[in-house]
């Protein structure tokens, strides 16, 4: 009879789980295990499965750069399994990421101040350090802009050439070469290239 009572507690445990009432879920599972010791492995398997769901949800929050929400979700595993080591490790990871985000924001602020002072090389350094801690499109774009400004300041002519040659996979020089070829076909050797003097303007 006690085994049958144990079976009866499985269903309400699952119902409480679906309601997200995890304390009652644990209570019913433990009662099922108490009345039917043969259910011990099954109960542990279900508790781990539910905890794995918390871990997956926490990981998703972490991927979306929401470490606080991730920590809350990881901590829910302790309701069912107080010594769930995977959750302990995940919480430590999320806390580190949270600290990294704070450092990244501080570095971004420093970089922004240097950018305002037109200290582009120093700003680039801080933007790169920030990006190493928190990869955002905003900082990526800033790194691209600062790098261009640094290159333009160091070697303006070379930078201008690279912009022209790289624009839309070389559409400008390709069109110029096409025009040169057509002129040579029309006028032969008398058609001569300017040697890209336009670049220097």
Protein backbone atom coordinates (compact mmCIF):
# COMPACT_ATOMS: atom_id res chain seq x y z
CA UNK A 1 0.00 0.00 0.00
CA UNK A 2 2.83 2.43 0.83
CA UNK A 3 4.27 1.90 -2.66
CA UNK A 4 0.92 2.85 -4.16
CA UNK A 5 0.79 5.97 -1.98
CA UNK A 6 4.24 6.87 -3.27
CA UNK A 7 2.98 6.59 -6.84
CA UNK A 8 0.07 8.87 -6.01
CA UNK A 9 2.41 11.70 -4.94
CA UNK A 10 4.21 11.75 -8.31
CA UNK A 11 1.28 13.35 -10.14
CA UNK A 12 0.76 16.29 -7.75
CA UNK A 13 4.52 16.87 -7.78
CA UNK A 14 4.42 17.28 -11.56
CA UNK A 15 1.35 19.50 -11.32
CA UNK A 16 3.08 21.80 -8.82
CA UNK A 17 6.14 21.86 -11.08
CA UNK A 18 3.98 23.07 -13.99
CA UNK A 19 2.59 25.77 -11.66
CA UNK A 20 6.19 26.74 -10.85
CA UNK A 21 5.52 26.06 -7.18
CA UNK A 22 8.87 24.40 -6.66
CA UNK A 23 8.84 24.08 -2.87
CA UNK A 24 5.62 22.06 -3.07
CA UNK A 25 7.09 20.13 -6.01
CA UNK A 26 10.02 19.07 -3.84
CA UNK A 27 7.73 18.23 -0.93
CA UNK A 28 5.54 15.93 -3.03
CA UNK A 29 8.52 14.25 -4.68
CA UNK A 30 10.07 13.59 -1.25
CA UNK A 31 6.80 12.09 -0.04
CA UNK A 32 6.71 9.83 -3.09
CA UNK A 33 10.26 8.75 -2.28
CA UNK A 34 9.41 8.27 1.40
CA UNK A 35 6.47 5.94 0.77
CA UNK A 36 8.16 4.18 -2.14
CA UNK A 37 11.98 4.04 -1.79
CA UNK A 38 12.15 2.45 -5.24
CA UNK A 39 11.28 5.90 -6.60
CA UNK A 40 14.50 7.44 -5.28
CA UNK A 41 16.36 7.29 -8.61
CA UNK A 42 13.31 8.52 -10.51
CA UNK A 43 12.82 11.46 -8.13
CA UNK A 44 16.49 12.45 -8.37
CA UNK A 45 16.32 12.24 -12.17
CA UNK A 46 13.27 14.52 -12.28
CA UNK A 47 14.81 17.03 -9.88
CA UNK A 48 17.94 17.18 -12.00
CA UNK A 49 15.89 17.63 -15.16
CA UNK A 50 14.01 20.56 -13.63
CA UNK A 51 17.28 22.08 -12.44
CA UNK A 52 18.77 21.62 -15.91
CA UNK A 53 15.86 23.70 -17.19
CA UNK A 54 16.81 26.49 -14.77
CA UNK A 55 20.41 26.31 -16.00
CA UNK A 56 19.35 26.55 -19.65
CA UNK A 57 17.11 29.54 -18.90
CA UNK A 58 19.96 31.20 -16.99
CA UNK A 59 22.34 30.60 -19.88
CA UNK A 60 19.91 32.31 -22.23
CA UNK A 61 19.76 35.37 -19.97
CA UNK A 62 23.57 35.39 -19.88
CA UNK A 63 23.77 35.27 -23.68
CA UNK A 64 21.44 38.27 -23.77
CA UNK A 65 23.81 40.17 -21.45
CA UNK A 66 21.48 39.95 -18.43
CA UNK A 67 23.73 38.47 -15.70
CA UNK A 68 21.43 39.48 -12.80
CA UNK A 69 18.51 37.59 -14.34
CA UNK A 70 20.81 34.65 -15.03
CA UNK A 71 21.91 34.51 -11.39
CA UNK A 72 18.28 34.56 -10.21
CA UNK A 73 17.48 31.62 -12.48
CA UNK A 74 20.57 29.63 -11.46
CA UNK A 75 19.72 30.15 -7.77
CA UNK A 76 16.32 28.52 -8.29
CA UNK A 77 18.08 25.16 -8.54
CA UNK A 78 18.87 25.38 -4.82
CA UNK A 79 15.16 25.08 -3.98
CA UNK A 80 15.27 21.52 -5.30
CA UNK A 81 18.94 20.60 -4.98
CA UNK A 82 20.80 22.78 -2.42
CA UNK A 83 24.20 21.40 -3.44
CA UNK A 84 23.77 21.59 -7.21
CA UNK A 85 27.40 22.26 -8.15
CA UNK A 86 26.72 23.19 -11.76
CA UNK A 87 24.59 26.10 -10.52
CA UNK A 88 27.35 27.18 -8.13
CA UNK A 89 29.82 27.34 -11.03
CA UNK A 90 27.32 29.14 -13.27
CA UNK A 91 26.64 31.77 -10.61
CA UNK A 92 30.35 32.46 -10.22
CA UNK A 93 30.65 32.79 -13.99
CA UNK A 94 27.69 35.21 -14.14
CA UNK A 95 29.13 37.31 -11.30
CA UNK A 96 32.45 37.61 -13.13
CA UNK A 97 30.68 38.64 -16.32
CA UNK A 98 28.69 41.23 -14.36
CA UNK A 99 31.95 42.69 -13.01
CA UNK A 100 33.44 42.65 -16.51
CA UNK A 101 30.45 44.61 -17.80
CA UNK A 102 30.98 47.24 -15.10
CA UNK A 103 34.66 47.53 -16.04
CA UNK A 104 33.74 47.72 -19.73
CA UNK A 105 31.33 50.61 -19.08
CA UNK A 106 33.98 52.48 -17.09
CA UNK A 107 36.55 51.98 -19.86
CA UNK A 108 34.02 53.14 -22.44
CA UNK A 109 33.43 56.33 -20.46
CA UNK A 110 37.18 56.97 -20.28
CA UNK A 111 37.51 56.36 -24.00
CA UNK A 112 34.66 58.74 -24.73
CA UNK A 113 36.33 61.51 -22.71
CA UNK A 114 39.59 60.99 -24.61
CA UNK A 115 37.72 61.03 -27.90
CA UNK A 116 36.18 64.41 -27.01
CA UNK A 117 39.72 65.71 -26.42
CA UNK A 118 40.69 64.30 -29.86
CA UNK A 119 43.18 61.92 -28.26
CA UNK A 120 42.13 59.22 -30.72
CA UNK A 121 45.02 56.82 -30.18
CA UNK A 122 44.42 56.71 -26.42
CA UNK A 123 40.67 56.47 -26.96
CA UNK A 124 41.21 53.53 -29.32
CA UNK A 125 43.19 51.71 -26.62
CA UNK A 126 40.41 52.09 -24.06
CA UNK A 127 37.66 51.18 -26.54
CA UNK A 128 39.53 47.97 -27.36
CA UNK A 129 39.89 47.12 -23.67
CA UNK A 130 36.18 47.74 -23.19
CA UNK A 131 35.30 45.56 -26.17
CA UNK A 132 37.42 42.72 -24.79
CA UNK A 133 35.16 42.67 -21.71
CA UNK A 134 31.82 43.35 -23.38
CA UNK A 135 31.36 42.94 -27.12
CA UNK A 136 28.77 45.42 -28.35
CA UNK A 137 28.13 46.85 -31.80
CA UNK A 138 28.44 50.38 -30.42
CA UNK A 139 32.01 49.80 -29.21
CA UNK A 140 32.91 47.86 -32.34
CA UNK A 141 31.85 50.85 -34.43
CA UNK A 142 33.83 53.17 -32.16
CA UNK A 143 36.96 51.06 -32.62
CA UNK A 144 36.51 51.22 -36.39
CA UNK A 145 36.08 55.00 -36.30
CA UNK A 146 39.01 55.62 -33.92
CA UNK A 147 41.27 53.36 -35.97
CA UNK A 148 40.44 55.31 -39.11
CA UNK A 149 41.09 58.63 -37.37
CA UNK A 150 44.44 57.38 -36.05
CA UNK A 151 45.48 56.12 -39.49
CA UNK A 152 44.32 59.32 -41.17
CA UNK A 153 46.38 61.39 -38.75
CA UNK A 154 49.52 59.27 -39.11
CA UNK A 155 49.48 58.87 -42.90
CA UNK A 156 46.66 60.91 -44.50
CA UNK A 157 47.70 60.17 -48.11
CA UNK A 158 47.95 56.41 -47.61
CA UNK A 159 44.67 56.43 -45.70
CA UNK A 160 42.90 58.34 -48.49
CA UNK A 161 44.24 55.85 -51.05
CA UNK A 162 43.06 52.89 -49.01
CA UNK A 163 39.57 54.38 -48.71
CA UNK A 164 39.33 54.90 -52.46
CA UNK A 165 40.76 51.49 -53.33
CA UNK A 166 38.68 49.57 -50.78
CA UNK A 167 35.36 51.33 -51.33
CA UNK A 168 32.74 48.74 -52.32
CA UNK A 169 35.39 46.13 -53.11
CA UNK A 170 37.34 48.42 -55.40
CA UNK A 171 34.48 49.75 -57.52
CA UNK A 172 36.24 53.10 -58.13
CA UNK A 173 39.58 51.82 -59.51
CA UNK A 174 37.80 49.06 -61.42
CA UNK A 175 35.61 51.60 -63.20
CA UNK A 176 38.62 53.83 -63.88
CA UNK A 177 40.55 50.90 -65.35
CA UNK A 178 37.57 50.00 -67.51
CA UNK A 179 37.48 53.57 -68.87
CA UNK A 180 41.24 53.46 -69.50
CA UNK A 181 40.87 50.21 -71.45
CA UNK A 182 38.07 51.65 -73.59
CA UNK A 183 40.10 54.80 -74.32
CA UNK A 184 43.14 52.74 -75.33
CA UNK A 185 40.97 50.71 -77.69
CA UNK A 186 39.65 53.92 -79.26
CA UNK A 187 42.86 55.97 -79.40
CA UNK A 188 45.63 53.42 -79.11
CA UNK A 189 48.98 54.42 -77.60
CA UNK A 190 48.07 58.11 -77.67
CA UNK A 191 45.73 57.47 -74.71
CA UNK A 192 47.78 57.70 -71.53
CA UNK A 193 46.84 57.29 -67.89
CA UNK A 194 47.14 60.24 -65.51
CA UNK A 195 48.85 57.89 -63.07
CA UNK A 196 46.02 58.34 -60.57
CA UNK A 197 47.01 61.97 -59.89
CA UNK A 198 43.41 62.49 -58.81
CA UNK A 199 44.28 60.61 -55.62
CA UNK A 200 46.58 63.35 -54.49
CA UNK A 201 43.83 65.94 -54.59
